C-alpha atoms as a PDB file:
ATOM      1  CA  MET A   1       9.634  24.899  13.003  1.00  0.00           C
ATOM      2  CA  LEU A   2       7.089  23.042  15.083  1.00  0.00           C
ATOM      3  CA  LEU A   3       7.148  19.367  14.169  1.00  0.00           C
ATOM      4  CA  ARG A   4       3.757  17.684  14.042  1.00  0.00           C
ATOM      5  CA  THR A   5       3.603  14.249  15.645  1.00  0.00           C
ATOM      6  CA  ILE A   6       1.295  11.262  15.714  1.00  0.00           C
ATOM      7  CA  GLU A   7       1.221   8.360  18.158  1.00  0.00           C
ATOM      8  CA  PRO A   8       1.725   4.805  16.809  1.00  0.00           C
ATOM      9  CA  ASN A   9      -1.711   3.737  18.065  1.00  0.00           C
ATOM     10  CA  GLU A  10      -3.282   6.616  16.102  1.00  0.00           C
ATOM     11  CA  VAL A  11      -1.498   5.432  12.937  1.00  0.00           C
ATOM     12  CA  GLU A  12      -2.681   1.867  13.544  1.00  0.00           C
ATOM     13  CA  ARG A  13      -6.269   2.977  14.219  1.00  0.00           C
ATOM     14  CA  SER A  14      -6.296   5.113  11.071  1.00  0.00           C
ATOM     15  CA  LEU A  15      -5.000   2.215   8.955  1.00  0.00           C
ATOM     16  CA  ASN A  16      -7.534  -0.171  10.527  1.00  0.00           C
ATOM     17  CA  ASP A  17     -10.280   2.332   9.663  1.00  0.00           C
ATOM     18  CA  GLY A  18      -9.250   2.022   6.017  1.00  0.00           C
ATOM     19  CA  ASN A  19      -7.505   5.369   5.706  1.00  0.00           C
ATOM     20  CA  ASN A  20      -4.712   5.540   3.163  1.00  0.00           C
ATOM     21  CA  LEU A  21      -1.722   6.941   5.031  1.00  0.00           C
ATOM     22  CA  ASN A  22       1.490   7.697   3.165  1.00  0.00           C
ATOM     23  CA  ILE A  23       4.056   6.131   5.489  1.00  0.00           C
ATOM     24  CA  ILE A  24       7.791   6.347   4.852  1.00  0.00           C
ATOM     25  CA  ASP A  25      10.154   4.155   6.855  1.00  0.00           C
ATOM     26  CA  VAL A  26      13.605   5.755   7.050  1.00  0.00           C
ATOM     27  CA  ARG A  27      15.388   2.885   8.805  1.00  0.00           C
ATOM     28  CA  GLU A  28      18.285   0.982   7.241  1.00  0.00           C
ATOM     29  CA  ASN A  29      17.834  -2.144   5.097  1.00  0.00           C
ATOM     30  CA  ASP A  30      18.726  -4.583   7.886  1.00  0.00           C
ATOM     31  CA  GLU A  31      16.152  -2.951  10.169  1.00  0.00           C
ATOM     32  CA  VAL A  32      13.253  -3.058   7.708  1.00  0.00           C
ATOM     33  CA  ALA A  33      14.157  -6.686   6.938  1.00  0.00           C
ATOM     34  CA  GLN A  34      12.881  -7.444  10.455  1.00  0.00           C
ATOM     35  CA  GLY A  35       9.461  -6.035   9.568  1.00  0.00           C
ATOM     36  CA  MET A  36       7.780  -2.771   8.711  1.00  0.00           C
ATOM     37  CA  ILE A  37       4.285  -1.300   8.649  1.00  0.00           C
ATOM     38  CA  PRO A  38       2.593  -3.087   5.700  1.00  0.00           C
ATOM     39  CA  THR A  39       1.750   0.028   3.656  1.00  0.00           C
ATOM     40  CA  ALA A  40       5.055   1.819   4.298  1.00  0.00           C
ATOM     41  CA  LYS A  41       7.524   2.832   1.605  1.00  0.00           C
ATOM     42  CA  HIS A  42      11.191   2.361   2.468  1.00  0.00           C
ATOM     43  CA  ILE A  43      13.525   5.314   1.923  1.00  0.00           C
ATOM     44  CA  PRO A  44      16.588   5.161   4.212  1.00  0.00           C
ATOM     45  CA  LEU A  45      17.367   8.463   5.933  1.00  0.00           C
ATOM     46  CA  GLY A  46      20.634   8.794   4.012  1.00  0.00           C
ATOM     47  CA  GLU A  47      18.713   8.738   0.716  1.00  0.00           C
ATOM     48  CA  ILE A  48      15.909  11.172   1.654  1.00  0.00           C
ATOM     49  CA  SER A  49      17.528  14.263   0.107  1.00  0.00           C
ATOM     50  CA  ASP A  50      18.222  12.449  -3.167  1.00  0.00           C
ATOM     51  CA  ARG A  51      14.721  10.968  -3.404  1.00  0.00           C
ATOM     52  CA  ILE A  52      12.551  14.007  -2.623  1.00  0.00           C
ATOM     53  CA  ASN A  53      11.309  13.962  -6.222  1.00  0.00           C
ATOM     54  CA  GLU A  54       9.504  10.676  -5.419  1.00  0.00           C
ATOM     55  CA  LEU A  55       7.199  12.514  -3.017  1.00  0.00           C
ATOM     56  CA  ASP A  56       4.039  14.412  -3.877  1.00  0.00           C
ATOM     57  CA  ARG A  57       3.850  17.884  -2.317  1.00  0.00           C
ATOM     58  CA  ASP A  58       0.049  17.568  -2.257  1.00  0.00           C
ATOM     59  CA  LYS A  59       0.182  14.624   0.163  1.00  0.00           C
ATOM     60  CA  GLU A  60       1.031  14.254   3.828  1.00  0.00           C
ATOM     61  CA  TYR A  61       3.673  11.726   4.864  1.00  0.00           C
ATOM     62  CA  VAL A  62       4.015   9.911   8.174  1.00  0.00           C
ATOM     63  CA  MET A  63       7.707   9.359   8.878  1.00  0.00           C
ATOM     64  CA  VAL A  64       8.791   6.260  10.813  1.00  0.00           C
ATOM     65  CA  CYS A  65      12.104   4.933  12.158  1.00  0.00           C
ATOM     66  CA  ARG A  66      13.195   2.730  15.063  1.00  0.00           C
ATOM     67  CA  SER A  67      12.655   5.179  17.942  1.00  0.00           C
ATOM     68  CA  GLY A  68      11.498   8.462  16.379  1.00  0.00           C
ATOM     69  CA  LYS A  69      14.806  10.348  16.154  1.00  0.00           C
ATOM     70  CA  ARG A  70      15.834   9.598  12.562  1.00  0.00           C
ATOM     71  CA  SER A  71      12.286  10.145  11.363  1.00  0.00           C
ATOM     72  CA  GLU A  72      12.392  13.520  13.135  1.00  0.00           C
ATOM     73  CA  LYS A  73      15.521  14.384  11.110  1.00  0.00           C
ATOM     74  CA  ALA A  74      13.783  13.205   7.931  1.00  0.00           C
ATOM     75  CA  CYS A  75      10.803  15.435   8.778  1.00  0.00           C
ATOM     76  CA  ALA A  76      13.097  18.453   9.116  1.00  0.00           C
ATOM     77  CA  ILE A  77      14.741  17.745   5.748  1.00  0.00           C
ATOM     78  CA  LEU A  78      11.443  17.219   3.934  1.00  0.00           C
ATOM     79  CA  ALA A  79       9.696  20.169   5.615  1.00  0.00           C
ATOM     80  CA  SER A  80      12.507  22.409   4.385  1.00  0.00           C
ATOM     81  CA  HIS A  81      11.483  21.331   0.864  1.00  0.00           C
ATOM     82  CA  ASN A  82       7.806  22.147   1.543  1.00  0.00           C
ATOM     83  CA  ILE A  83       6.774  18.508   1.962  1.00  0.00           C
ATOM     84  CA  ASN A  84       3.917  18.018   4.445  1.00  0.00           C
ATOM     85  CA  VAL A  85       5.221  15.615   7.128  1.00  0.00           C
ATOM     86  CA  ILE A  86       4.252  14.244  10.512  1.00  0.00           C
ATOM     87  CA  ASN A  87       6.551  12.226  12.794  1.00  0.00           C
ATOM     88  CA  MET A  88       5.402   8.956  14.394  1.00  0.00           C
ATOM     89  CA  THR A  89       6.621   9.230  17.993  1.00  0.00           C
ATOM     90  CA  GLY A  90       8.372   6.252  19.529  1.00  0.00           C
ATOM     91  CA  GLY A  91       9.011   4.669  16.142  1.00  0.00           C
ATOM     92  CA  MET A  92       8.768   0.945  15.540  1.00  0.00           C
ATOM     93  CA  LEU A  93       9.786   0.278  19.147  1.00  0.00           C
ATOM     94  CA  SER A  94       6.310   1.584  20.086  1.00  0.00           C
ATOM     95  CA  TRP A  95       4.436  -0.021  17.154  1.00  0.00           C
ATOM     96  CA  LYS A  96       2.008  -2.730  18.258  1.00  0.00           C
ATOM     97  CA  GLY A  97       0.277  -3.272  14.907  1.00  0.00           C
ATOM     98  CA  LYS A  98       0.935  -5.690  12.083  1.00  0.00           C
ATOM     99  CA  THR A  99       4.259  -5.766  10.316  1.00  0.00           C
ATOM    100  CA  THR A 100       5.327  -7.297   7.065  1.00  0.00           C
ATOM    101  CA  ILE A 101       8.633  -8.381   5.595  1.00  0.00           C
ATOM    102  CA  LYS A 102       9.276  -6.732   2.222  1.00  0.00           C
END
């Protein structure tokens, strides 16, 4: 399976242009408490398999973690369930845009 990727600056530009991206942050609770992309939904990697029913197979999801590795794993899990996913390379370590505390 070839994993599709997107750069953090592309995600930021798309959000700034008013596009509605479906972003899922798969980091742990203590990590997202330090800030996450404002429109992101939080589903920790360990819960992804149990929460697939929360995702719409007609949408595309941008997966985000700290560095890009856990989100890559999440992409593989979701893609195996026919969910359309794209991995944000570099994760939040490479994110320069706004963050919010949820």
